[in-house]
Amino acid sequence: MAFPLPAPMRLALDLAGEAAATDEVPVGAVVTRDGRVIATSANAMRTNHDPTAHAEIVAIRRAAEALGASRLDGCDLWVTLEPCAMCAGAIAHARIAALYYAAEDPKGGAVAHGPRLFAQPTCHHRPEIYGGIGAAEAAGLLRSFFAERR
C-alpha cells in the first residue's frame, strides 16, 4: 500500500518540477517549523547566475530572512535530493532540526554518501536525518531531466 507523501515533500517535488521547466536541475526545498511552511525554493543557479543558488541554500536564506534569525532552531528542511557538501554545511550552520530528503545522490551527496558531513567529528550540529521520502518520484524527475539533455 502506498502512503501519501507529507505535504512539505509534495511541495518540494512540485517545486522541482517547476525548476525543470525553467531548465534548472529539478531540485526543490521547503523549510517548515511546527508544520508551517516558512520558505520554499527550487534550484536557481542558471536563473540567478549563482553557483551557490542550490534549492536548500536559497530556502535557508529565505527562512532566515522570514524569521529574522541566522539560526533556524526548530525548523525542518525537506529537499528532493540528498544535499551536497555545501548544502550540508549550511544545514549544520543554520541548526536545522531535521532533514528529510527524497532521492539519494551517490555521486554528489554528502549526507549518506561521499564525506558524510554530519558524521564528521568537526561538524558542530547534526540534524535528525530521514531519507527516501518520495525517492522514486524525485529520481524520475532527475532521470528525465538529464535524459532530455543528452
C-alpha atoms as a PDB file:
ATOM      1  CA  MET A   1       0.000   0.000   0.000  1.00  0.00           C
ATOM      2  CA  ALA A   2       1.373   3.394  -0.960  1.00  0.00           C
ATOM      3  CA  PHE A   3       1.136   6.185   1.546  1.00  0.00           C
ATOM      4  CA  PRO A   4       0.629   9.818   0.597  1.00  0.00           C
ATOM      5  CA  LEU A   5       3.711  11.970   0.789  1.00  0.00           C
ATOM      6  CA  PRO A   6       3.949  14.503   3.612  1.00  0.00           C
ATOM      7  CA  ALA A   7       2.731  17.883   2.342  1.00  0.00           C
ATOM      8  CA  PRO A   8       6.168  19.568   2.548  1.00  0.00           C
ATOM      9  CA  MET A   9       7.762  16.859   0.376  1.00  0.00           C
ATOM     10  CA  ARG A  10       4.868  17.059  -2.092  1.00  0.00           C
ATOM     11  CA  LEU A  11       5.504  20.807  -2.324  1.00  0.00           C
ATOM     12  CA  ALA A  12       9.260  20.273  -2.746  1.00  0.00           C
ATOM     13  CA  LEU A  13       8.632  17.802  -5.587  1.00  0.00           C
ATOM     14  CA  ASP A  14       6.261  20.265  -7.268  1.00  0.00           C
ATOM     15  CA  LEU A  15       8.943  22.966  -6.992  1.00  0.00           C
ATOM     16  CA  ALA A  16      11.476  20.559  -8.516  1.00  0.00           C
ATOM     17  CA  GLY A  17       9.148  20.028 -11.472  1.00  0.00           C
ATOM     18  CA  GLU A  18       8.817  23.791 -11.920  1.00  0.00           C
ATOM     19  CA  ALA A  19      12.619  24.109 -11.842  1.00  0.00           C
ATOM     20  CA  ALA A  20      12.952  21.563 -14.650  1.00  0.00           C
ATOM     21  CA  ALA A  21      10.509  23.592 -16.738  1.00  0.00           C
ATOM     22  CA  THR A  22      12.886  26.571 -16.484  1.00  0.00           C
ATOM     23  CA  ASP A  23      15.954  24.456 -17.421  1.00  0.00           C
ATOM     24  CA  GLU A  24      17.191  24.215 -13.818  1.00  0.00           C
ATOM     25  CA  VAL A  25      18.188  20.852 -12.352  1.00  0.00           C
ATOM     26  CA  PRO A  26      14.939  19.652 -10.720  1.00  0.00           C
ATOM     27  CA  VAL A  27      15.549  20.059  -7.003  1.00  0.00           C
ATOM     28  CA  GLY A  28      13.066  21.679  -4.636  1.00  0.00           C
ATOM     29  CA  ALA A  29      13.322  22.561  -0.958  1.00  0.00           C
ATOM     30  CA  VAL A  30      10.900  23.588   1.777  1.00  0.00           C
ATOM     31  CA  VAL A  31      11.642  24.848   5.298  1.00  0.00           C
ATOM     32  CA  THR A  32       8.971  24.239   7.917  1.00  0.00           C
ATOM     33  CA  ARG A  33       8.554  24.982  11.603  1.00  0.00           C
ATOM     34  CA  ASP A  34       5.825  23.357  13.676  1.00  0.00           C
ATOM     35  CA  GLY A  35       4.256  22.058  10.455  1.00  0.00           C
ATOM     36  CA  ARG A  36       4.001  25.527   8.886  1.00  0.00           C
ATOM     37  CA  VAL A  37       5.856  26.403   5.678  1.00  0.00           C
ATOM     38  CA  ILE A  38       8.398  29.156   6.355  1.00  0.00           C
ATOM     39  CA  ALA A  39      10.200  29.251   2.992  1.00  0.00           C
ATOM     40  CA  THR A  40      10.415  27.440  -0.344  1.00  0.00           C
ATOM     41  CA  SER A  41      12.806  27.341  -3.242  1.00  0.00           C
ATOM     42  CA  ALA A  42      13.954  25.425  -6.265  1.00  0.00           C
ATOM     43  CA  ASN A  43      17.386  25.345  -7.824  1.00  0.00           C
ATOM     44  CA  ALA A  44      18.169  28.762  -9.312  1.00  0.00           C
ATOM     45  CA  MET A  45      21.821  28.521 -10.324  1.00  0.00           C
ATOM     46  CA  ARG A  46      21.251  29.196 -14.013  1.00  0.00           C
ATOM     47  CA  THR A  47      18.480  31.714 -13.459  1.00  0.00           C
ATOM     48  CA  ASN A  48      20.455  33.718 -10.896  1.00  0.00           C
ATOM     49  CA  HIS A  49      23.903  33.133 -12.425  1.00  0.00           C
ATOM     50  CA  ASP A  50      24.912  31.921  -8.963  1.00  0.00           C
ATOM     51  CA  PRO A  51      26.661  28.584  -8.366  1.00  0.00           C
ATOM     52  CA  THR A  52      25.544  28.663  -4.714  1.00  0.00           C
ATOM     53  CA  ALA A  53      21.825  29.002  -5.544  1.00  0.00           C
ATOM     54  CA  HIS A  54      21.000  25.379  -4.731  1.00  0.00           C
ATOM     55  CA  ALA A  55      17.409  24.894  -3.585  1.00  0.00           C
ATOM     56  CA  GLU A  56      18.498  24.243   0.001  1.00  0.00           C
ATOM     57  CA  ILE A  57      20.690  27.336   0.240  1.00  0.00           C
ATOM     58  CA  VAL A  58      18.020  29.648  -1.176  1.00  0.00           C
ATOM     59  CA  ALA A  59      15.317  28.158   1.072  1.00  0.00           C
ATOM     60  CA  ILE A  60      17.565  28.531   4.150  1.00  0.00           C
ATOM     61  CA  ARG A  61      18.316  32.155   3.222  1.00  0.00           C
ATOM     62  CA  ARG A  62      14.613  32.886   2.766  1.00  0.00           C
ATOM     63  CA  ALA A  63      13.693  31.193   6.050  1.00  0.00           C
ATOM     64  CA  ALA A  64      16.372  33.125   7.954  1.00  0.00           C
ATOM     65  CA  GLU A  65      15.072  36.365   6.475  1.00  0.00           C
ATOM     66  CA  ALA A  66      11.446  35.487   7.236  1.00  0.00           C
ATOM     67  CA  LEU A  67      12.281  34.609  10.837  1.00  0.00           C
ATOM     68  CA  GLY A  68      14.814  37.394  11.324  1.00  0.00           C
ATOM     69  CA  ALA A  69      17.387  34.949  12.653  1.00  0.00           C
ATOM     70  CA  SER A  70      20.610  33.355  11.478  1.00  0.00           C
ATOM     71  CA  ARG A  71      19.796  30.091  13.224  1.00  0.00           C
ATOM     72  CA  LEU A  72      16.736  28.143  12.234  1.00  0.00           C
ATOM     73  CA  ASP A  73      16.204  26.362  15.542  1.00  0.00           C
ATOM     74  CA  GLY A  74      13.171  24.104  15.435  1.00  0.00           C
ATOM     75  CA  CYS A  75      12.986  24.205  11.633  1.00  0.00           C
ATOM     76  CA  ASP A  76      12.953  21.197   9.326  1.00  0.00           C
ATOM     77  CA  LEU A  77      14.238  21.049   5.756  1.00  0.00           C
ATOM     78  CA  TRP A  78      12.515  18.956   3.097  1.00  0.00           C
ATOM     79  CA  VAL A  79      14.508  18.513  -0.113  1.00  0.00           C
ATOM     80  CA  THR A  80      14.133  16.291  -3.157  1.00  0.00           C
ATOM     81  CA  LEU A  81      17.802  15.264  -3.417  1.00  0.00           C
ATOM     82  CA  GLU A  82      20.423  14.300  -0.845  1.00  0.00           C
ATOM     83  CA  PRO A  83      22.283  17.541  -0.054  1.00  0.00           C
ATOM     84  CA  CYS A  84      25.804  18.170  -1.364  1.00  0.00           C
ATOM     85  CA  ALA A  85      28.684  19.182   0.911  1.00  0.00           C
ATOM     86  CA  MET A  86      27.934  22.919   0.544  1.00  0.00           C
ATOM     87  CA  CYS A  87      24.279  22.458   1.442  1.00  0.00           C
ATOM     88  CA  ALA A  88      25.014  20.034   4.283  1.00  0.00           C
ATOM     89  CA  GLY A  89      27.392  22.626   5.732  1.00  0.00           C
ATOM     90  CA  ALA A  90      24.686  25.285   5.503  1.00  0.00           C
ATOM     91  CA  ILE A  91      22.193  22.938   7.182  1.00  0.00           C
ATOM     92  CA  ALA A  92      24.610  22.450  10.077  1.00  0.00           C
ATOM     93  CA  HIS A  93      25.355  26.180  10.393  1.00  0.00           C
ATOM     94  CA  ALA A  94      21.632  27.026  10.278  1.00  0.00           C
ATOM     95  CA  ARG A  95      20.969  24.480  13.043  1.00  0.00           C
ATOM     96  CA  ILE A  96      18.200  22.754  11.069  1.00  0.00           C
ATOM     97  CA  ALA A  97      16.487  20.292  13.442  1.00  0.00           C
ATOM     98  CA  ALA A  98      15.580  17.609  10.900  1.00  0.00           C
ATOM     99  CA  LEU A  99      16.495  16.907   7.285  1.00  0.00           C
ATOM    100  CA  TYR A 100      14.061  14.976   5.095  1.00  0.00           C
ATOM    101  CA  TYR A 101      15.298  14.114   1.619  1.00  0.00           C
ATOM    102  CA  ALA A 102      13.928  12.088  -1.267  1.00  0.00           C
ATOM    103  CA  ALA A 103      16.482  10.653  -3.708  1.00  0.00           C
ATOM    104  CA  GLU A 104      19.983   9.639  -2.717  1.00  0.00           C
ATOM    105  CA  ASP A 105      22.884  11.139  -4.630  1.00  0.00           C
ATOM    106  CA  PRO A 106      25.767   8.625  -4.694  1.00  0.00           C
ATOM    107  CA  LYS A 107      27.886  10.955  -6.859  1.00  0.00           C
ATOM    108  CA  GLY A 108      27.384  14.363  -5.211  1.00  0.00           C
ATOM    109  CA  GLY A 109      25.618  13.702  -1.924  1.00  0.00           C
ATOM    110  CA  ALA A 110      27.331  14.446   1.364  1.00  0.00           C
ATOM    111  CA  VAL A 111      24.885  13.023   3.897  1.00  0.00           C
ATOM    112  CA  ALA A 112      24.649   9.274   3.196  1.00  0.00           C
ATOM    113  CA  HIS A 113      27.429   9.319   0.593  1.00  0.00           C
ATOM    114  CA  GLY A 114      30.777  10.987  -0.009  1.00  0.00           C
ATOM    115  CA  PRO A 115      32.083  12.872   3.028  1.00  0.00           C
ATOM    116  CA  ARG A 116      29.050  12.046   5.214  1.00  0.00           C
ATOM    117  CA  LEU A 117      29.395  15.512   6.682  1.00  0.00           C
ATOM    118  CA  PHE A 118      27.140  15.048   9.700  1.00  0.00           C
ATOM    119  CA  ALA A 119      29.203  12.053  10.857  1.00  0.00           C
ATOM    120  CA  GLN A 120      32.425  14.072  10.958  1.00  0.00           C
ATOM    121  CA  PRO A 121      33.755  14.999  14.419  1.00  0.00           C
ATOM    122  CA  THR A 122      34.258  18.594  13.227  1.00  0.00           C
ATOM    123  CA  CYS A 123      30.540  19.007  12.476  1.00  0.00           C
ATOM    124  CA  HIS A 124      29.075  21.191  15.230  1.00  0.00           C
ATOM    125  CA  HIS A 125      25.405  20.358  14.622  1.00  0.00           C
ATOM    126  CA  ARG A 126      23.771  17.187  13.354  1.00  0.00           C
ATOM    127  CA  PRO A 127      20.129  17.235  12.304  1.00  0.00           C
ATOM    128  CA  GLU A 128      17.901  14.202  12.521  1.00  0.00           C
ATOM    129  CA  ILE A 129      18.022  12.618   9.046  1.00  0.00           C
ATOM    130  CA  TYR A 130      15.238  10.843   7.158  1.00  0.00           C
ATOM    131  CA  GLY A 131      15.977   9.731   3.609  1.00  0.00           C
ATOM    132  CA  GLY A 132      13.997   8.090   0.842  1.00  0.00           C
ATOM    133  CA  ILE A 133      10.733  10.036   1.215  1.00  0.00           C
ATOM    134  CA  GLY A 134       9.398  10.383  -2.331  1.00  0.00           C
ATOM    135  CA  ALA A 135      12.632   8.940  -3.721  1.00  0.00           C
ATOM    136  CA  ALA A 136      11.116   7.277  -6.795  1.00  0.00           C
ATOM    137  CA  GLU A 137       9.397  10.453  -7.997  1.00  0.00           C
ATOM    138  CA  ALA A 138      12.434  12.640  -7.321  1.00  0.00           C
ATOM    139  CA  ALA A 139      14.784  10.213  -9.077  1.00  0.00           C
ATOM    140  CA  GLY A 140      12.370  10.031 -12.016  1.00  0.00           C
ATOM    141  CA  LEU A 141      12.366  13.822 -12.373  1.00  0.00           C
ATOM    142  CA  LEU A 142      16.162  13.873 -12.387  1.00  0.00           C
ATOM    143  CA  ARG A 143      16.488  10.973 -14.858  1.00  0.00           C
ATOM    144  CA  SER A 144      14.002  12.576 -17.261  1.00  0.00           C
ATOM    145  CA  PHE A 145      15.687  15.960 -16.999  1.00  0.00           C
ATOM    146  CA  PHE A 146      19.143  14.635 -17.824  1.00  0.00           C
ATOM    147  CA  ALA A 147      17.918  12.168 -20.479  1.00  0.00           C
ATOM    148  CA  GLU A 148      16.392  15.073 -22.419  1.00  0.00           C
ATOM    149  CA  ARG A 149      19.737  16.883 -22.394  1.00  0.00           C
ATOM    150  CA  ARG A 150      21.963  14.005 -23.508  1.00  0.00           C
END
